[in-house]
């Protein structure tokens, strides 16, 4: 049986809920086409988040790792193309850390590409009515930090394991007092499940338009 480790952050800032965590919890233990989905809660904390995911990889020995994070303001589910080697935190993390213009891994490469078939994942989500598109920036907060740190670990310690990051929109209860797009939790769960299964089944990505102006 193949295994996918799905990670989701705990709530951060002023939020009392993080849809990333709610999504992966709903998928925990699900088996589809002989593929098991395993959820892992991750703290929204620089460095500590990477350590928790490394320990999760060592414990569960997955074939694929997909980290999921919230990107408030986005309208679609967005698999990320690249992680960059910089922390530049707009706000503090959940333990008050706020690194500015600091490398995630001293002396590490400038960036890591995802090793997931992100365009095929987007295609498969769209086929069942889930809004999705490729993203070319994971930001410079804990999401990008974990994405880069996880990919660096896989590159150095477990090159047979493929990994990547997916950002998801707010869910409706998060926008009661703000003007921002949202997506239902059920639809996000549907999309992430499809993305995870596709990530295991598809080794070579498709070549189709996925660029952006900015």
C-alpha atoms as a PDB file:
ATOM      1  CA  UNK A   1       0.000   0.000   0.000  1.00  0.00           C
ATOM      2  CA  UNK A   2       1.240   3.486  -0.881  1.00  0.00           C
ATOM      3  CA  UNK A   3       1.097   6.255   1.725  1.00  0.00           C
ATOM      4  CA  UNK A   4       0.620  10.011   1.515  1.00  0.00           C
ATOM      5  CA  UNK A   5       1.521  12.151   4.519  1.00  0.00           C
ATOM      6  CA  UNK A   6      -0.723  15.235   4.590  1.00  0.00           C
ATOM      7  CA  UNK A   7       0.324  18.008   6.951  1.00  0.00           C
ATOM      8  CA  UNK A   8      -1.829  20.923   8.128  1.00  0.00           C
ATOM      9  CA  UNK A   9      -0.945  23.940  10.267  1.00  0.00           C
ATOM     10  CA  UNK A  10      -2.656  24.877  13.511  1.00  0.00           C
ATOM     11  CA  UNK A  11      -4.502  28.242  13.653  1.00  0.00           C
ATOM     12  CA  UNK A  12      -2.302  31.347  13.655  1.00  0.00           C
ATOM     13  CA  UNK A  13      -2.608  35.087  14.090  1.00  0.00           C
ATOM     14  CA  UNK A  14      -6.137  36.049  15.153  1.00  0.00           C
ATOM     15  CA  UNK A  15      -7.775  33.010  13.557  1.00  0.00           C
ATOM     16  CA  UNK A  16      -9.332  30.327  15.732  1.00  0.00           C
ATOM     17  CA  UNK A  17      -9.448  27.800  12.906  1.00  0.00           C
ATOM     18  CA  UNK A  18      -7.049  26.801  10.157  1.00  0.00           C
ATOM     19  CA  UNK A  19      -8.743  25.135   7.185  1.00  0.00           C
ATOM     20  CA  UNK A  20      -5.533  23.288   6.334  1.00  0.00           C
ATOM     21  CA  UNK A  21      -5.708  21.338   9.576  1.00  0.00           C
ATOM     22  CA  UNK A  22      -9.451  20.755   9.260  1.00  0.00           C
ATOM     23  CA  UNK A  23      -9.009  19.363   5.745  1.00  0.00           C
ATOM     24  CA  UNK A  24      -6.232  16.902   6.557  1.00  0.00           C
ATOM     25  CA  UNK A  25      -8.043  15.714   9.686  1.00  0.00           C
ATOM     26  CA  UNK A  26     -11.054  14.779   7.549  1.00  0.00           C
ATOM     27  CA  UNK A  27      -8.816  12.759   5.233  1.00  0.00           C
ATOM     28  CA  UNK A  28      -6.836  10.998   7.964  1.00  0.00           C
ATOM     29  CA  UNK A  29      -6.993   7.212   7.614  1.00  0.00           C
ATOM     30  CA  UNK A  30      -8.813   7.272   4.280  1.00  0.00           C
ATOM     31  CA  UNK A  31      -7.789   4.513   1.851  1.00  0.00           C
ATOM     32  CA  UNK A  32      -8.460   5.030  -1.870  1.00  0.00           C
ATOM     33  CA  UNK A  33      -7.141   2.748  -4.630  1.00  0.00           C
ATOM     34  CA  UNK A  34      -4.719   1.124  -2.191  1.00  0.00           C
ATOM     35  CA  UNK A  35      -3.383   4.542  -1.143  1.00  0.00           C
ATOM     36  CA  UNK A  36      -3.569   5.514   2.531  1.00  0.00           C
ATOM     37  CA  UNK A  37      -3.818   9.172   3.586  1.00  0.00           C
ATOM     38  CA  UNK A  38      -2.222  10.083   6.919  1.00  0.00           C
ATOM     39  CA  UNK A  39      -2.715  13.468   8.625  1.00  0.00           C
ATOM     40  CA  UNK A  40      -0.163  15.338  10.713  1.00  0.00           C
ATOM     41  CA  UNK A  41      -0.747  18.555  12.653  1.00  0.00           C
ATOM     42  CA  UNK A  42       2.087  21.044  12.340  1.00  0.00           C
ATOM     43  CA  UNK A  43       2.783  24.129  14.503  1.00  0.00           C
ATOM     44  CA  UNK A  44       2.827  27.481  12.716  1.00  0.00           C
ATOM     45  CA  UNK A  45       6.338  28.065  14.012  1.00  0.00           C
ATOM     46  CA  UNK A  46       9.602  28.573  12.150  1.00  0.00           C
ATOM     47  CA  UNK A  47      12.070  25.662  12.503  1.00  0.00           C
ATOM     48  CA  UNK A  48       9.748  23.656  14.750  1.00  0.00           C
ATOM     49  CA  UNK A  49       7.408  22.996  11.810  1.00  0.00           C
ATOM     50  CA  UNK A  50      10.243  21.434   9.809  1.00  0.00           C
ATOM     51  CA  UNK A  51      11.269  19.249  12.743  1.00  0.00           C
ATOM     52  CA  UNK A  52       7.714  17.953  13.243  1.00  0.00           C
ATOM     53  CA  UNK A  53       7.389  17.026   9.564  1.00  0.00           C
ATOM     54  CA  UNK A  54      10.798  15.338   9.510  1.00  0.00           C
ATOM     55  CA  UNK A  55       9.743  13.223  12.479  1.00  0.00           C
ATOM     56  CA  UNK A  56       6.451  12.430  10.726  1.00  0.00           C
ATOM     57  CA  UNK A  57       8.280  11.266   7.620  1.00  0.00           C
ATOM     58  CA  UNK A  58      10.576   9.042   9.673  1.00  0.00           C
ATOM     59  CA  UNK A  59       7.623   7.580  11.576  1.00  0.00           C
ATOM     60  CA  UNK A  60       5.234   6.932   8.688  1.00  0.00           C
ATOM     61  CA  UNK A  61       7.706   6.370   5.791  1.00  0.00           C
ATOM     62  CA  UNK A  62       5.355   7.856   3.170  1.00  0.00           C
ATOM     63  CA  UNK A  63       5.785   7.699  -0.590  1.00  0.00           C
ATOM     64  CA  UNK A  64       4.558  11.281  -0.963  1.00  0.00           C
ATOM     65  CA  UNK A  65       4.428  14.261   1.409  1.00  0.00           C
ATOM     66  CA  UNK A  66       1.991  17.106   0.780  1.00  0.00           C
ATOM     67  CA  UNK A  67       2.026  20.072   3.141  1.00  0.00           C
ATOM     68  CA  UNK A  68      -1.172  22.122   3.145  1.00  0.00           C
ATOM     69  CA  UNK A  69      -1.453  25.743   4.233  1.00  0.00           C
ATOM     70  CA  UNK A  70      -3.931  28.614   4.222  1.00  0.00           C
ATOM     71  CA  UNK A  71      -3.540  31.473   1.749  1.00  0.00           C
ATOM     72  CA  UNK A  72      -6.218  33.976   2.657  1.00  0.00           C
ATOM     73  CA  UNK A  73      -7.314  35.981  -0.384  1.00  0.00           C
ATOM     74  CA  UNK A  74      -6.813  33.213  -2.941  1.00  0.00           C
ATOM     75  CA  UNK A  75      -9.872  31.958  -4.801  1.00  0.00           C
ATOM     76  CA  UNK A  76      -8.568  28.545  -5.818  1.00  0.00           C
ATOM     77  CA  UNK A  77      -6.630  25.571  -4.509  1.00  0.00           C
ATOM     78  CA  UNK A  78      -3.060  26.273  -5.570  1.00  0.00           C
ATOM     79  CA  UNK A  79      -0.306  23.635  -5.723  1.00  0.00           C
ATOM     80  CA  UNK A  80       3.007  25.443  -5.385  1.00  0.00           C
ATOM     81  CA  UNK A  81       5.770  25.187  -7.971  1.00  0.00           C
ATOM     82  CA  UNK A  82       8.783  26.393  -5.961  1.00  0.00           C
ATOM     83  CA  UNK A  83      10.099  27.036  -2.447  1.00  0.00           C
ATOM     84  CA  UNK A  84      12.737  29.731  -1.893  1.00  0.00           C
ATOM     85  CA  UNK A  85      15.493  29.861   0.698  1.00  0.00           C
ATOM     86  CA  UNK A  86      14.407  32.940   2.636  1.00  0.00           C
ATOM     87  CA  UNK A  87      12.319  33.824   5.669  1.00  0.00           C
ATOM     88  CA  UNK A  88      10.812  37.317   5.614  1.00  0.00           C
ATOM     89  CA  UNK A  89       7.954  37.254   8.085  1.00  0.00           C
ATOM     90  CA  UNK A  90       5.276  39.940   7.814  1.00  0.00           C
ATOM     91  CA  UNK A  91       3.925  38.920  11.232  1.00  0.00           C
ATOM     92  CA  UNK A  92       5.320  36.811  14.086  1.00  0.00           C
ATOM     93  CA  UNK A  93       4.673  33.070  14.162  1.00  0.00           C
ATOM     94  CA  UNK A  94       2.781  31.400  17.002  1.00  0.00           C
ATOM     95  CA  UNK A  95       5.810  31.609  19.291  1.00  0.00           C
ATOM     96  CA  UNK A  96       6.683  35.220  18.482  1.00  0.00           C
ATOM     97  CA  UNK A  97       9.492  34.521  16.017  1.00  0.00           C
ATOM     98  CA  UNK A  98       9.749  36.983  13.138  1.00  0.00           C
ATOM     99  CA  UNK A  99      12.838  36.316  11.003  1.00  0.00           C
ATOM    100  CA  UNK A 100      13.530  38.952   8.358  1.00  0.00           C
ATOM    101  CA  UNK A 101      15.722  38.342   5.311  1.00  0.00           C
ATOM    102  CA  UNK A 102      17.199  35.181   6.802  1.00  0.00           C
ATOM    103  CA  UNK A 103      18.062  31.961   4.952  1.00  0.00           C
ATOM    104  CA  UNK A 104      16.086  28.875   5.914  1.00  0.00           C
ATOM    105  CA  UNK A 105      19.135  26.671   5.360  1.00  0.00           C
ATOM    106  CA  UNK A 106      22.467  28.472   5.560  1.00  0.00           C
ATOM    107  CA  UNK A 107      24.386  27.688   2.382  1.00  0.00           C
ATOM    108  CA  UNK A 108      21.423  25.816   0.888  1.00  0.00           C
ATOM    109  CA  UNK A 109      20.326  26.231  -2.737  1.00  0.00           C
ATOM    110  CA  UNK A 110      18.306  29.311  -3.618  1.00  0.00           C
ATOM    111  CA  UNK A 111      15.204  27.208  -4.298  1.00  0.00           C
ATOM    112  CA  UNK A 112      13.715  23.740  -4.590  1.00  0.00           C
ATOM    113  CA  UNK A 113      11.173  22.728  -7.210  1.00  0.00           C
ATOM    114  CA  UNK A 114       8.230  20.624  -6.124  1.00  0.00           C
ATOM    115  CA  UNK A 115       8.537  16.979  -7.136  1.00  0.00           C
ATOM    116  CA  UNK A 116       4.771  16.578  -7.481  1.00  0.00           C
ATOM    117  CA  UNK A 117       2.826  16.572 -10.790  1.00  0.00           C
ATOM    118  CA  UNK A 118       1.207  19.909  -9.998  1.00  0.00           C
ATOM    119  CA  UNK A 119      -0.312  20.566 -13.433  1.00  0.00           C
ATOM    120  CA  UNK A 120      -1.881  17.132 -13.555  1.00  0.00           C
ATOM    121  CA  UNK A 121      -3.202  17.664 -10.027  1.00  0.00           C
ATOM    122  CA  UNK A 122      -4.791  20.945 -11.122  1.00  0.00           C
ATOM    123  CA  UNK A 123      -6.270  19.280 -14.207  1.00  0.00           C
ATOM    124  CA  UNK A 124      -7.805  16.468 -12.169  1.00  0.00           C
ATOM    125  CA  UNK A 125      -9.294  18.849  -9.596  1.00  0.00           C
ATOM    126  CA  UNK A 126     -10.835  21.013 -12.306  1.00  0.00           C
ATOM    127  CA  UNK A 127     -12.366  17.966 -13.986  1.00  0.00           C
ATOM    128  CA  UNK A 128     -14.574  17.405 -10.939  1.00  0.00           C
ATOM    129  CA  UNK A 129     -15.468  21.063 -10.464  1.00  0.00           C
ATOM    130  CA  UNK A 130     -12.824  22.112  -7.931  1.00  0.00           C
ATOM    131  CA  UNK A 131     -11.301  25.541  -8.737  1.00  0.00           C
ATOM    132  CA  UNK A 132      -7.524  25.077  -8.921  1.00  0.00           C
ATOM    133  CA  UNK A 133      -4.448  26.602 -10.517  1.00  0.00           C
ATOM    134  CA  UNK A 134      -0.677  26.434 -10.244  1.00  0.00           C
ATOM    135  CA  UNK A 135       0.971  28.989  -7.950  1.00  0.00           C
ATOM    136  CA  UNK A 136       4.479  30.292  -8.493  1.00  0.00           C
ATOM    137  CA  UNK A 137       5.006  31.800  -5.055  1.00  0.00           C
ATOM    138  CA  UNK A 138       4.543  30.200  -1.657  1.00  0.00           C
ATOM    139  CA  UNK A 139       5.277  33.485   0.122  1.00  0.00           C
ATOM    140  CA  UNK A 140       7.998  34.024   2.725  1.00  0.00           C
ATOM    141  CA  UNK A 141       6.186  32.998   5.941  1.00  0.00           C
ATOM    142  CA  UNK A 142       5.993  29.597   7.627  1.00  0.00           C
ATOM    143  CA  UNK A 143       4.346  27.931   4.601  1.00  0.00           C
ATOM    144  CA  UNK A 144       7.333  28.584   2.337  1.00  0.00           C
ATOM    145  CA  UNK A 145       9.654  27.876   5.277  1.00  0.00           C
ATOM    146  CA  UNK A 146       8.190  24.407   5.772  1.00  0.00           C
ATOM    147  CA  UNK A 147       8.008  23.737   2.021  1.00  0.00           C
ATOM    148  CA  UNK A 148      11.698  24.552   1.577  1.00  0.00           C
ATOM    149  CA  UNK A 149      12.797  22.775   4.742  1.00  0.00           C
ATOM    150  CA  UNK A 150      10.841  19.649   3.855  1.00  0.00           C
ATOM    151  CA  UNK A 151      12.216  19.565   0.312  1.00  0.00           C
ATOM    152  CA  UNK A 152      15.765  20.080   1.598  1.00  0.00           C
ATOM    153  CA  UNK A 153      15.316  17.174   3.994  1.00  0.00           C
ATOM    154  CA  UNK A 154      13.920  14.921   1.262  1.00  0.00           C
ATOM    155  CA  UNK A 155      16.736  15.905  -1.105  1.00  0.00           C
ATOM    156  CA  UNK A 156      19.376  15.099   1.509  1.00  0.00           C
ATOM    157  CA  UNK A 157      17.837  12.190   3.424  1.00  0.00           C
ATOM    158  CA  UNK A 158      14.995  10.594   1.440  1.00  0.00           C
ATOM    159  CA  UNK A 159      15.321  11.326  -2.296  1.00  0.00           C
ATOM    160  CA  UNK A 160      12.910   8.480  -3.119  1.00  0.00           C
ATOM    161  CA  UNK A 161      10.064  10.379  -1.409  1.00  0.00           C
ATOM    162  CA  UNK A 162       8.297  13.042  -3.477  1.00  0.00           C
ATOM    163  CA  UNK A 163       6.983  16.195  -1.882  1.00  0.00           C
ATOM    164  CA  UNK A 164       5.309  19.533  -2.336  1.00  0.00           C
ATOM    165  CA  UNK A 165       2.974  22.161  -0.918  1.00  0.00           C
ATOM    166  CA  UNK A 166      -0.626  23.194  -1.612  1.00  0.00           C
ATOM    167  CA  UNK A 167      -2.234  26.458  -0.532  1.00  0.00           C
ATOM    168  CA  UNK A 168      -5.980  26.623   0.052  1.00  0.00           C
ATOM    169  CA  UNK A 169      -8.436  29.550   0.443  1.00  0.00           C
ATOM    170  CA  UNK A 170     -10.324  30.676   3.528  1.00  0.00           C
ATOM    171  CA  UNK A 171     -13.443  28.727   4.446  1.00  0.00           C
ATOM    172  CA  UNK A 172     -16.730  30.694   4.788  1.00  0.00           C
ATOM    173  CA  UNK A 173     -16.721  31.037   8.585  1.00  0.00           C
ATOM    174  CA  UNK A 174     -13.386  32.860   8.391  1.00  0.00           C
ATOM    175  CA  UNK A 175     -14.731  35.741   6.292  1.00  0.00           C
ATOM    176  CA  UNK A 176     -17.791  36.785   8.299  1.00  0.00           C
ATOM    177  CA  UNK A 177     -16.069  40.077   9.179  1.00  0.00           C
ATOM    178  CA  UNK A 178     -13.866  40.549   6.122  1.00  0.00           C
ATOM    179  CA  UNK A 179     -14.179  40.934   2.356  1.00  0.00           C
ATOM    180  CA  UNK A 180     -12.301  37.975   0.916  1.00  0.00           C
ATOM    181  CA  UNK A 181     -13.032  34.929  -1.225  1.00  0.00           C
ATOM    182  CA  UNK A 182     -13.676  31.557   0.372  1.00  0.00           C
ATOM    183  CA  UNK A 183     -14.301  27.935  -0.532  1.00  0.00           C
ATOM    184  CA  UNK A 184     -16.384  25.368   1.318  1.00  0.00           C
ATOM    185  CA  UNK A 185     -14.510  22.900   3.487  1.00  0.00           C
ATOM    186  CA  UNK A 186     -16.174  19.992   1.666  1.00  0.00           C
ATOM    187  CA  UNK A 187     -14.938  21.237  -1.709  1.00  0.00           C
ATOM    188  CA  UNK A 188     -11.405  21.739  -0.414  1.00  0.00           C
ATOM    189  CA  UNK A 189     -11.412  18.223   1.077  1.00  0.00           C
ATOM    190  CA  UNK A 190     -12.534  16.873  -2.297  1.00  0.00           C
ATOM    191  CA  UNK A 191      -9.749  18.742  -4.064  1.00  0.00           C
ATOM    192  CA  UNK A 192      -6.964  17.734  -1.693  1.00  0.00           C
ATOM    193  CA  UNK A 193      -8.037  14.081  -1.834  1.00  0.00           C
ATOM    194  CA  UNK A 194      -7.863  14.130  -5.629  1.00  0.00           C
ATOM    195  CA  UNK A 195      -4.522  15.943  -5.550  1.00  0.00           C
ATOM    196  CA  UNK A 196      -3.061  13.386  -3.140  1.00  0.00           C
ATOM    197  CA  UNK A 197      -4.199  10.372  -5.155  1.00  0.00           C
ATOM    198  CA  UNK A 198      -2.945  11.974  -8.379  1.00  0.00           C
ATOM    199  CA  UNK A 199       0.421  12.701  -6.770  1.00  0.00           C
ATOM    200  CA  UNK A 200       0.930   8.994  -6.110  1.00  0.00           C
ATOM    201  CA  UNK A 201      -0.350   7.705  -9.442  1.00  0.00           C
ATOM    202  CA  UNK A 202       1.318  10.218 -11.784  1.00  0.00           C
ATOM    203  CA  UNK A 203       5.118  10.243 -11.913  1.00  0.00           C
ATOM    204  CA  UNK A 204       5.632  12.588 -14.893  1.00  0.00           C
ATOM    205  CA  UNK A 205       3.735  15.871 -15.020  1.00  0.00           C
ATOM    206  CA  UNK A 206       1.849  17.053 -18.082  1.00  0.00           C
ATOM    207  CA  UNK A 207       2.967  20.055 -20.129  1.00  0.00           C
ATOM    208  CA  UNK A 208       0.260  22.682 -20.407  1.00  0.00           C
ATOM    209  CA  UNK A 209      -0.217  26.352 -19.630  1.00  0.00           C
ATOM    210  CA  UNK A 210       0.272  27.171 -15.961  1.00  0.00           C
ATOM    211  CA  UNK A 211       2.209  30.427 -16.020  1.00  0.00           C
ATOM    212  CA  UNK A 212       1.254  33.733 -14.467  1.00  0.00           C
ATOM    213  CA  UNK A 213       1.919  37.429 -15.122  1.00  0.00           C
ATOM    214  CA  UNK A 214       3.080  37.992 -11.547  1.00  0.00           C
END
